Amino acid sequence: MAFKPNYNQSRRERERNKALKKQEKQQRREEAAALRKVDPDAPQDAAGDPESAAPGETDGAQETPR
């Protein structure tokens, strides 16, 4: 016979995963803020800047040949 599900254990595991993800996100934000403080004149992330994209690059849209 299978064991009955342990809801509290599952919930604690989900909460642990959620807290870990939140902590990692906060650490990435703090690192990015530290980099901005060190060199405020440096360009921001190139992913959000459409002008910095290389010629021929698109946002994933492909043209269909006719």
Foldseek 3Di string as FASTA:
>chain_A
DDDDDDVVVVVVVVVVVVVVVVVVVVVVVVVQVVVCVVPVPDDDDCVVPPVPDDPPDDPPDDDDDD
